[in-house]
Protein backbone atom coordinates (compact mmCIF):
# COMPACT_ATOMS: atom_id res chain seq x y z
CA MET A 1 1.33 0.39 5.89
CA LYS A 2 3.67 -2.47 6.56
CA LEU A 3 6.98 -2.86 5.50
CA VAL A 4 8.97 -6.84 5.94
CA GLN A 5 12.75 -7.65 4.57
CA SER A 6 12.94 -10.23 3.04
CA ILE A 7 15.12 -9.74 0.46
CA LEU A 8 15.83 -12.84 -1.91
CA THR A 9 19.61 -13.21 -1.11
CA LYS A 10 19.78 -16.32 -3.57
CA ASN A 11 18.44 -14.59 -6.09
CA PRO A 12 21.26 -14.36 -9.18
CA CYS A 13 19.68 -10.18 -9.87
CA TYR A 14 20.95 -9.66 -6.22
CA THR A 15 24.01 -11.72 -6.24
CA ALA A 16 25.35 -9.34 -9.12
CA GLY A 17 24.61 -6.29 -7.36
CA ARG A 18 24.14 -3.30 -9.76
CA LYS A 19 22.21 -0.68 -9.03
CA ILE A 20 20.69 2.17 -10.52
CA THR A 21 20.37 5.17 -9.67
CA VAL A 22 16.18 5.81 -8.90
CA LYS A 23 13.99 7.43 -11.33
CA GLY A 24 10.68 6.10 -11.25
CA LEU A 25 8.14 3.20 -10.24
CA MET A 26 7.33 0.60 -11.92
CA LEU A 27 3.37 -1.05 -10.41
CA HIS A 28 2.90 -4.64 -11.71
CA SER A 29 0.67 -7.57 -10.77
CA VAL A 30 1.56 -11.09 -10.72
CA GLY A 31 -0.41 -12.42 -13.60
CA CYS A 32 -1.60 -15.90 -11.86
CA PRO A 33 -3.88 -16.38 -8.75
CA GLN A 34 -1.64 -16.48 -5.98
CA PRO A 35 -2.65 -14.18 -3.22
CA LYS A 36 0.78 -14.89 -0.87
CA ALA A 37 3.82 -13.50 -0.98
CA SER A 38 5.16 -15.85 0.10
CA VAL A 39 5.17 -17.86 -2.95
CA PHE A 40 6.89 -16.47 -4.88
CA ILE A 41 9.61 -15.70 -2.20
CA ASN A 42 10.36 -19.13 -1.52
CA ASN A 43 10.41 -20.12 -5.31
CA TRP A 44 12.49 -16.79 -6.14
CA ASN A 45 14.95 -17.01 -3.77
CA SER A 46 17.04 -19.76 -5.38
CA PRO A 47 20.32 -19.64 -6.93
CA SER A 48 18.53 -21.48 -10.38
CA TYR A 49 15.48 -18.74 -10.44
CA ASP A 50 17.35 -16.30 -13.16
CA SER A 51 14.17 -15.54 -14.89
CA ALA A 52 13.03 -12.76 -12.81
CA CYS A 53 13.21 -10.28 -9.87
CA VAL A 54 11.71 -7.62 -7.86
CA HIS A 55 11.92 -5.35 -5.82
CA GLY A 56 8.93 -6.33 -4.22
CA PHE A 57 5.54 -7.85 -3.57
CA ILE A 58 2.56 -6.86 -1.74
CA ASP A 59 0.36 -9.49 -0.20
CA GLY A 60 -2.98 -10.17 -1.40
CA ASN A 61 -4.20 -11.75 1.54
CA ASP A 62 -3.37 -8.68 4.41
CA GLY A 63 -1.84 -6.10 2.35
CA THR A 64 1.47 -6.04 3.74
CA VAL A 65 4.56 -5.57 1.60
CA TYR A 66 7.83 -6.87 1.33
CA GLN A 67 11.16 -5.69 0.26
CA THR A 68 13.00 -8.43 -1.80
CA LEU A 69 15.23 -6.45 -2.98
CA PRO A 70 17.30 -3.39 -1.88
CA TRP A 71 15.13 -0.13 -3.47
CA ASN A 72 18.08 0.99 -5.64
CA HIS A 73 19.52 -2.22 -6.58
CA ARG A 74 18.56 -3.56 -10.73
CA GLY A 75 15.91 -5.62 -10.97
CA TRP A 76 14.41 -7.84 -13.80
CA HIS A 77 10.70 -6.69 -13.97
CA CYS A 78 9.85 -5.88 -16.44
CA GLY A 79 11.95 -6.59 -19.63
CA SER A 80 12.72 -4.60 -22.12
CA GLY A 81 11.25 -2.52 -25.74
CA ASN A 82 12.75 -1.06 -28.66
CA LYS A 83 13.36 2.50 -26.27
CA GLY A 84 15.70 0.12 -23.64
CA SER A 85 14.53 -1.23 -19.85
CA GLY A 86 12.95 0.64 -17.28
CA ASN A 87 14.78 -2.12 -15.22
CA ASN A 88 18.07 0.83 -15.41
CA THR A 89 15.39 3.57 -14.62
CA HIS A 90 12.27 2.46 -12.17
CA VAL A 91 11.39 0.58 -8.81
CA GLY A 92 8.82 -3.01 -9.17
CA VAL A 93 6.55 -3.62 -7.68
CA GLU A 94 4.80 -7.36 -8.30
CA MET A 95 0.94 -6.54 -6.52
CA CYS A 96 -0.35 -10.52 -5.68
CA GLU A 97 -3.73 -10.98 -7.37
CA PRO A 98 -6.89 -12.88 -6.08
CA ALA A 99 -6.96 -16.58 -5.81
CA CYS A 100 -10.32 -16.57 -6.87
CA ILE A 101 -9.48 -16.09 -10.27
CA LYS A 102 -9.01 -18.21 -13.33
CA TYR A 103 -6.85 -17.31 -16.21
CA THR A 104 -8.38 -18.34 -20.06
CA GLY A 105 -5.79 -16.42 -22.61
CA GLY A 106 -3.68 -13.41 -22.01
CA ALA A 107 -4.99 -10.73 -19.84
CA ASN A 108 -8.26 -12.29 -19.59
CA PHE A 109 -10.18 -14.19 -17.08
CA THR A 110 -13.51 -15.57 -14.75
CA CYS A 111 -13.74 -15.08 -11.70
CA SER A 112 -16.13 -16.63 -8.82
CA ASP A 113 -16.29 -14.80 -6.07
CA THR A 114 -16.21 -10.48 -7.48
CA ALA A 115 -16.47 -9.84 -3.97
CA ALA A 116 -13.56 -11.56 -2.70
CA ALA A 117 -11.78 -10.94 -5.49
CA LYS A 118 -11.94 -7.28 -5.14
CA ALA A 119 -11.56 -6.94 -1.31
CA VAL A 120 -8.52 -8.01 -2.79
CA ALA A 121 -7.47 -5.45 -5.36
CA LYS A 122 -8.20 -3.19 -3.19
CA ARG A 123 -6.03 -4.22 -0.48
CA THR A 124 -2.89 -4.63 -2.74
CA TYR A 125 -4.17 -1.12 -4.12
CA GLU A 126 -3.65 0.69 -1.30
CA ALA A 127 -0.94 -0.67 0.12
CA ALA A 128 0.90 0.01 -3.29
CA VAL A 129 -0.42 4.13 -2.65
CA GLU A 130 1.80 3.77 0.54
CA LEU A 131 4.48 2.26 -0.50
CA PHE A 132 5.15 4.57 -3.47
CA ALA A 133 4.02 7.24 -1.81
CA TYR A 134 7.08 6.14 0.53
CA LEU A 135 9.36 6.12 -1.96
CA CYS A 136 8.46 9.20 -3.41
CA LYS A 137 9.52 10.51 -0.81
CA GLN A 138 13.22 8.87 0.00
CA TYR A 139 14.14 9.64 -3.62
CA ASN A 140 12.99 12.93 -3.77
CA LEU A 141 10.15 12.32 -6.52
CA ASN A 142 7.18 13.62 -7.93
CA PRO A 143 4.34 11.23 -8.70
CA THR A 144 2.41 13.05 -11.19
CA ALA A 145 5.33 13.55 -13.01
CA ASP A 146 5.47 12.08 -16.46
CA GLY A 147 6.91 8.58 -16.23
CA VAL A 148 7.41 8.66 -13.20
CA ILE A 149 5.63 6.73 -11.30
CA ILE A 150 4.07 3.93 -14.59
CA SER A 151 2.63 0.15 -14.83
CA HIS A 152 3.59 -2.77 -16.80
CA ARG A 153 1.37 -1.98 -20.10
CA GLU A 154 2.55 1.71 -19.95
CA GLY A 155 6.06 1.05 -19.85
CA HIS A 156 5.07 -0.93 -22.58
CA SER A 157 3.85 1.44 -23.96
CA ARG A 158 6.72 3.88 -23.83
CA GLY A 159 9.17 1.57 -25.06
CA ILE A 160 10.66 0.56 -21.97
CA ALA A 161 9.15 -3.29 -21.17
CA SER A 162 8.25 -6.14 -22.70
CA ASN A 163 4.54 -6.63 -24.12
CA HIS A 164 2.43 -7.15 -21.09
CA GLY A 165 -1.16 -5.33 -19.31
CA ASP A 166 -0.86 -5.33 -15.65
CA PRO A 167 -2.11 -4.03 -13.09
CA GLU A 168 -4.97 -2.38 -15.45
CA HIS A 169 -6.58 -5.24 -16.98
CA LEU A 170 -7.27 -6.94 -12.98
CA TRP A 171 -8.70 -3.81 -11.93
CA LYS A 172 -10.93 -3.29 -15.26
CA GLY A 173 -11.52 -7.18 -15.36
CA LEU A 174 -13.71 -7.06 -12.00
CA GLY A 175 -15.00 -3.52 -12.90
CA LEU A 176 -13.56 -1.43 -10.10
CA GLY A 177 -12.89 2.13 -11.22
CA TYR A 178 -9.08 2.36 -10.25
CA THR A 179 -6.72 3.56 -13.44
CA MET A 180 -3.15 4.70 -12.97
CA ASP A 181 -3.95 8.93 -13.43
CA GLY A 182 -6.11 7.71 -9.83
CA PHE A 183 -3.56 5.80 -8.45
CA ARG A 184 -0.73 8.85 -8.67
CA LYS A 185 -3.32 11.73 -7.57
CA ASP A 186 -3.29 9.12 -4.28
CA VAL A 187 -0.17 8.46 -4.62
CA LYS A 188 0.46 12.39 -4.17
CA ALA A 189 -2.46 13.01 -1.84
CA ALA A 190 -1.12 10.24 0.63
CA MET A 191 2.84 12.19 0.25
CA GLY A 192 0.53 15.08 1.99
CA GLY A 193 -1.32 12.88 4.61
CA ALA A 194 -4.08 13.51 3.19
CA GLY A 195 -5.37 9.72 2.58
CA THR A 196 -6.72 8.36 -0.56
CA THR A 197 -9.69 8.68 -2.60
CA GLU A 198 -11.92 5.76 -3.13
CA PRO A 199 -12.82 4.87 -6.88
CA GLU A 200 -16.12 6.31 -7.74
CA ASN A 201 -18.17 3.06 -7.91
CA GLY A 202 -17.31 2.31 -4.22
CA GLY A 203 -16.10 3.06 -0.26
CA TRP A 204 -17.24 5.54 1.77
CA PHE A 205 -16.02 8.57 4.22
CA ARG A 206 -17.33 8.95 7.52
CA VAL A 207 -17.59 12.06 9.79
CA ARG A 208 -17.21 10.93 13.62
CA LYS A 209 -15.14 12.69 16.06
CA SER A 210 -13.58 9.39 15.98
CA TRP A 211 -12.82 6.33 13.67
CA THR A 212 -13.32 4.23 17.26
CA ASP A 213 -16.46 6.72 18.81
CA ALA A 214 -19.42 5.10 15.56
CA LYS A 215 -21.91 6.56 17.97
CA SER A 216 -20.94 10.27 16.81
CA GLN A 217 -21.76 9.35 13.49
CA LYS A 218 -22.74 12.41 11.53
CA GLY A 219 -23.10 11.13 8.09
CA ALA A 220 -21.41 8.09 5.31
CA PHE A 221 -20.78 9.74 1.85
CA LYS A 222 -19.48 8.53 -1.79
CA VAL A 223 -18.95 12.53 -2.34
CA LEU A 224 -15.31 13.43 0.45
CA ALA A 225 -16.52 16.95 -0.25
CA ASN A 226 -19.83 16.52 0.62
CA ALA A 227 -17.89 14.80 3.48
CA LYS A 228 -15.52 18.21 4.31
CA LYS A 229 -19.00 19.99 4.27
CA CYS A 230 -20.67 17.77 6.53
CA ALA A 231 -17.28 18.21 9.49
CA ASP A 232 -16.77 21.88 8.40
CA GLU A 233 -20.41 21.61 10.04
CA ASN A 234 -19.99 19.98 12.89
CA PRO A 235 -16.87 20.87 15.27
CA GLY A 236 -15.14 18.01 16.69
CA TYR A 237 -15.27 16.00 13.74
CA SER A 238 -13.61 14.79 11.00
CA VAL A 239 -12.96 12.45 7.76
CA TYR A 240 -12.65 8.88 8.03
CA ASP A 241 -12.47 6.79 5.63
CA GLU A 242 -12.79 2.56 4.85
CA SER A 243 -9.93 1.64 6.07
CA GLY A 244 -10.52 4.28 9.20
CA LYS A 245 -7.41 6.44 7.93
CA ALA A 246 -8.89 10.73 9.05
CA VAL A 247 -8.55 12.42 6.11
CA TYR A 248 -9.47 15.71 6.64
CA GLY A 249 -9.73 18.07 10.40
CA GLY A 250 -12.65 19.93 10.29
CA SER A 251 -12.34 23.11 10.62
CA GLY A 252 -13.63 23.12 14.56
CA SER A 253 -11.95 20.29 14.90
CA GLY A 254 -8.79 21.43 15.73
CA SER A 255 -7.11 18.10 16.14
CA GLY A 256 -4.80 18.67 12.86
CA PHE A 257 -3.87 14.74 12.78
CA SER A 258 -2.60 13.07 9.22
CA PRO A 259 -1.96 8.91 9.02
CA TYR A 260 2.01 9.08 8.98
CA LEU A 261 4.93 5.67 9.26
CA VAL A 262 6.97 4.39 12.36
CA GLN A 263 9.66 2.10 11.67
CA VAL A 264 9.93 -0.68 14.99
CA SER A 265 13.06 -2.29 15.44
CA ILE A 266 12.21 -4.54 17.89
CA THR A 267 10.28 -8.43 17.29
CA ASP A 268 7.98 -8.61 20.12
CA LEU A 269 6.12 -5.56 20.14
CA ASN A 270 2.90 -6.13 22.19
CA ILE A 271 -0.66 -5.64 19.77
CA ARG A 272 -2.76 -4.78 22.31
CA LYS A 273 -6.74 -3.95 21.48
CA GLY A 274 -6.19 -0.01 23.05
CA PRO A 275 -4.16 2.18 23.63
CA GLY A 276 -3.11 1.06 27.03
CA THR A 277 -1.37 -1.98 29.31
CA ASN A 278 -5.04 -1.58 31.18
CA TYR A 279 -6.31 -3.12 28.03
CA GLY A 280 -5.43 -6.59 26.64
CA LYS A 281 -2.76 -8.06 24.16
CA THR A 282 -4.29 -9.90 21.34
CA GLY A 283 -2.29 -12.33 21.29
CA LYS A 284 0.77 -11.06 18.33
CA TYR A 285 3.23 -9.26 17.77
CA THR A 286 4.26 -6.52 15.05
CA GLY A 287 7.30 -7.70 14.28
CA LYS A 288 10.08 -5.39 12.80
CA GLY A 289 9.42 -3.30 10.09
CA VAL A 290 7.02 -0.27 9.31
CA PHE A 291 3.63 0.29 9.56
CA THR A 292 1.13 3.40 9.54
CA ILE A 293 -0.11 4.66 12.65
CA VAL A 294 -3.79 5.61 11.84
CA GLU A 295 -4.63 8.12 15.27
CA GLU A 296 -3.13 8.73 18.42
CA ALA A 297 -4.33 8.48 22.21
CA ASP A 298 -3.03 9.03 25.58
CA GLY A 299 -3.18 5.87 27.62
CA GLN A 300 -1.45 4.32 30.64
CA GLY A 301 1.82 1.67 30.49
CA ALA A 302 3.69 4.67 27.49
CA SER A 303 3.83 7.67 26.56
CA ARG A 304 1.90 7.55 24.29
CA TRP A 305 0.15 4.99 22.11
CA GLY A 306 -0.97 4.36 18.13
CA LYS A 307 -3.33 2.88 16.32
CA LEU A 308 -2.62 0.37 13.03
CA LYS A 309 -3.51 1.25 10.20
CA SER A 310 -4.33 -2.80 9.83
CA GLY A 311 -6.61 -2.98 12.52
CA ALA A 312 -5.07 -5.01 14.54
CA GLY A 313 -4.91 -2.64 17.44
CA TRP A 314 -2.21 -0.55 18.89
CA ILE A 315 2.22 -0.13 19.88
CA SER A 316 3.19 2.15 22.45
CA LEU A 317 5.22 4.13 20.10
CA ASP A 318 7.95 4.60 23.40
CA TYR A 319 9.10 1.87 20.20
CA ALA A 320 8.84 3.81 16.94
CA ARG A 321 10.47 5.77 14.92
CA ARG A 322 8.53 8.18 13.17
CA ILE A 323 10.16 8.21 9.58
């Protein structure tokens, strides 16, 4: 996960300065065909934008999480219902939506490129899982407890939000297998370092010695239990999900590695093509933020190198603090 602070300091919600005790997290999707978080951030960071303000946006193009309010700040993200407002208790996060959909009325839409749209939805889902796991740890929340993690649609059913159908309408409309029950389970798994599960109709679990050693692959499985069995039967092998995250170390792997988050506090940390200064620079920097490390390795120029989940490359862990 890449987490970037982009606080909406000019929005009236921020300047109001009201705080909450965080009791839960509410998942939204933006309800329009716009994958770029920057569009919302630029439009909403204005004294005249007094109709809404959320705690974060997840970019549909690269999965970057932009924090737009302090987490314990009272947002304007869900309206209210007959039992009050989730704004008083829940952090609200918006997932951006694919550019190739077109709303035809209410929660109904058409899609001109289903594969591209599914990729955006998958990207934002996975980033949301990581973000919510991070926030549950920070605020000591149980992700599967009643009412802790809910969607905007579920908030309305509980009487604490306006009548919206997001984000389930997007997942269902694209034929994805995602559900809020599955999302809550994935957050719980991510908190334990187990990674996310794939929807029933997509994704593979690959059994390899390491993610980068594709030639060592023993097989690819739709069912995680079958992949685990294969890893157990092959000492030194682990199970990796679609993003390259190690989700299971076989009984003989001895790796014990679980993905984890790091905080980078400098703007110019180089991303390299491999674990060491003997590998070329990609030409990009991490910038300040929170990132997920999915693999570690020894290499020249640093005491330890970490591979970014985004696939952008490797960074020196000497300049990153584990959180």
